[in-house]
Amino acid sequence: MYLASYFKVKRFFVSALFLLIFIPVISCSPPNTVTVRIKITYKDSNPDNRLELVRVTSAGDITELAPISGGKTRSTRLWPKKKSQPQLFLSYNFKGKRRYWDGPKMPRGKGYKIEVVIGSNGKVIEHKISQ
């Protein structure tokens, strides 16, 4: 009986120690908490037209999206370096020609959401930023 209660007490202290040490470690924010959420819409009525090799970059983080057909939208997230300026750079192929767009400069250390609309002529016709 004494041995059973000893193991119960030991198990309690091990569980409490686990909670005291590991829960704060798990809940700490990762070193890079800046997130840039990107939504790209291709406003073209012809679904056969596509934007290809779509790449988005922000302060060292880069990703390539699947081709975007006319009338479709793609979304992604980037995690730029925390102390860098999280400006968005977008590049894509439109009818065989490479196009580039530089987003507005944003404050360091803050994440944001940006929606970019590309028109049927292949140019960025609209962008909207929110925090």
Protein backbone atom coordinates (compact mmCIF):
# COMPACT_ATOMS: atom_id res chain seq x y z
CA MET A 1 0.00 0.00 0.00
CA TYR A 2 2.79 2.39 0.91
CA LEU A 3 4.55 1.60 -2.38
CA ALA A 4 1.41 2.31 -4.44
CA SER A 5 0.93 5.72 -2.85
CA TYR A 6 4.64 6.48 -3.37
CA PHE A 7 4.25 5.93 -7.13
CA LYS A 8 1.10 8.07 -7.21
CA VAL A 9 2.95 10.94 -5.53
CA LYS A 10 5.96 10.47 -7.80
CA ARG A 11 3.73 10.45 -10.89
CA PHE A 12 2.03 13.65 -9.67
CA PHE A 13 5.35 15.45 -9.22
CA VAL A 14 6.63 14.30 -12.61
CA SER A 15 3.43 15.55 -14.26
CA ALA A 16 3.64 18.86 -12.42
CA LEU A 17 7.29 19.25 -13.40
CA PHE A 18 6.38 18.54 -17.00
CA LEU A 19 3.69 21.23 -16.92
CA LEU A 20 5.95 23.78 -15.25
CA ILE A 21 8.83 23.29 -17.67
CA PHE A 22 7.42 22.28 -21.03
CA ILE A 23 4.15 24.22 -21.30
CA PRO A 24 5.89 27.63 -21.10
CA VAL A 25 8.43 26.44 -23.67
CA ILE A 26 5.71 25.27 -26.04
CA SER A 27 3.67 28.44 -25.64
CA CYS A 28 6.61 30.74 -26.37
CA SER A 29 6.25 32.38 -29.72
CA PRO A 30 8.63 31.14 -32.37
CA PRO A 31 11.58 33.39 -33.18
CA ASN A 32 9.91 34.44 -36.41
CA THR A 33 6.32 35.54 -35.81
CA VAL A 34 5.93 37.94 -38.73
CA THR A 35 3.49 36.50 -41.25
CA VAL A 36 2.66 37.90 -44.67
CA ARG A 37 -0.57 36.43 -46.03
CA ILE A 38 -0.94 36.77 -49.79
CA LYS A 39 -3.99 36.32 -51.98
CA ILE A 40 -3.53 36.67 -55.77
CA THR A 41 -6.53 36.86 -58.11
CA TYR A 42 -6.26 36.71 -61.90
CA LYS A 43 -9.23 38.64 -63.33
CA ASP A 44 -9.55 37.16 -66.79
CA SER A 45 -12.79 35.76 -68.14
CA ASN A 46 -10.97 33.09 -70.17
CA PRO A 47 -9.97 30.17 -67.91
CA ASP A 48 -7.49 28.98 -70.56
CA ASN A 49 -5.28 32.03 -69.94
CA ARG A 50 -2.84 31.39 -67.10
CA LEU A 51 -0.24 33.10 -65.01
CA GLU A 52 2.69 30.74 -64.74
CA LEU A 53 5.82 30.52 -62.58
CA VAL A 54 4.18 32.74 -59.97
CA ARG A 55 6.75 33.55 -57.26
CA VAL A 56 6.27 35.68 -54.16
CA THR A 57 9.14 36.87 -51.99
CA SER A 58 9.33 38.81 -48.75
CA ALA A 59 12.56 39.49 -46.83
CA GLY A 60 14.27 36.22 -47.61
CA ASP A 61 11.27 33.88 -47.74
CA ILE A 62 10.15 32.79 -51.19
CA THR A 63 7.50 30.46 -52.53
CA GLU A 64 6.27 29.42 -55.94
CA LEU A 65 2.57 28.96 -56.58
CA ALA A 66 0.81 26.67 -59.01
CA PRO A 67 -0.34 28.36 -62.23
CA ILE A 68 -3.33 30.65 -61.81
CA SER A 69 -6.05 30.29 -64.47
CA GLY A 70 -8.30 33.15 -65.49
CA GLY A 71 -10.92 33.91 -62.85
CA LYS A 72 -9.08 31.93 -60.14
CA THR A 73 -7.36 32.87 -56.88
CA ARG A 74 -4.37 31.41 -55.05
CA SER A 75 -3.26 32.10 -51.50
CA THR A 76 -0.07 31.49 -49.57
CA ARG A 77 1.86 32.69 -46.53
CA LEU A 78 5.40 33.86 -46.11
CA TRP A 79 7.42 34.19 -42.93
CA PRO A 80 9.98 36.92 -43.56
CA LYS A 81 12.88 37.51 -41.22
CA LYS A 82 11.60 39.41 -38.20
CA LYS A 83 14.05 42.31 -38.37
CA SER A 84 13.77 42.72 -42.15
CA GLN A 85 11.31 44.86 -44.03
CA PRO A 86 8.49 42.53 -45.16
CA GLN A 87 7.91 44.15 -48.55
CA LEU A 88 6.29 41.79 -51.06
CA PHE A 89 7.82 41.12 -54.47
CA LEU A 90 5.76 39.29 -57.06
CA SER A 91 6.91 37.83 -60.38
CA TYR A 92 5.03 35.73 -62.93
CA ASN A 93 4.90 34.76 -66.59
CA PHE A 94 2.09 36.28 -68.63
CA LYS A 95 1.80 35.09 -72.23
CA GLY A 96 5.47 34.11 -72.27
CA LYS A 97 6.80 37.38 -70.81
CA ARG A 98 8.11 37.78 -67.29
CA ARG A 99 6.30 40.44 -65.21
CA TYR A 100 7.35 41.95 -61.90
CA TRP A 101 5.55 43.90 -59.21
CA ASP A 102 6.98 45.44 -56.04
CA GLY A 103 4.53 45.83 -53.20
CA PRO A 104 4.55 48.83 -50.90
CA LYS A 105 7.15 49.09 -48.16
CA MET A 106 5.82 47.87 -44.84
CA PRO A 107 7.05 48.43 -41.27
CA ARG A 108 9.57 46.00 -39.82
CA GLY A 109 8.41 43.38 -37.36
CA LYS A 110 4.72 43.51 -38.32
CA GLY A 111 2.78 41.01 -40.35
CA TYR A 112 0.04 41.90 -42.79
CA LYS A 113 -2.37 40.56 -45.38
CA ILE A 114 -2.21 41.69 -49.00
CA GLU A 115 -4.65 40.98 -51.79
CA VAL A 116 -3.32 41.48 -55.32
CA VAL A 117 -5.54 41.54 -58.41
CA ILE A 118 -3.98 41.00 -61.84
CA GLY A 119 -6.05 42.14 -64.81
CA SER A 120 -6.57 40.45 -68.16
CA ASN A 121 -3.73 42.60 -69.56
CA GLY A 122 -1.28 40.94 -67.14
CA LYS A 123 -0.70 44.01 -64.98
CA VAL A 124 -1.47 44.45 -61.31
CA ILE A 125 -4.61 46.57 -61.33
CA GLU A 126 -5.37 46.61 -57.63
CA HIS A 127 -3.89 45.74 -54.24
CA LYS A 128 -5.36 45.98 -50.77
CA ILE A 129 -3.45 45.77 -47.50
CA SER A 130 -4.82 45.00 -44.06
CA GLN A 131 -3.20 44.23 -40.73
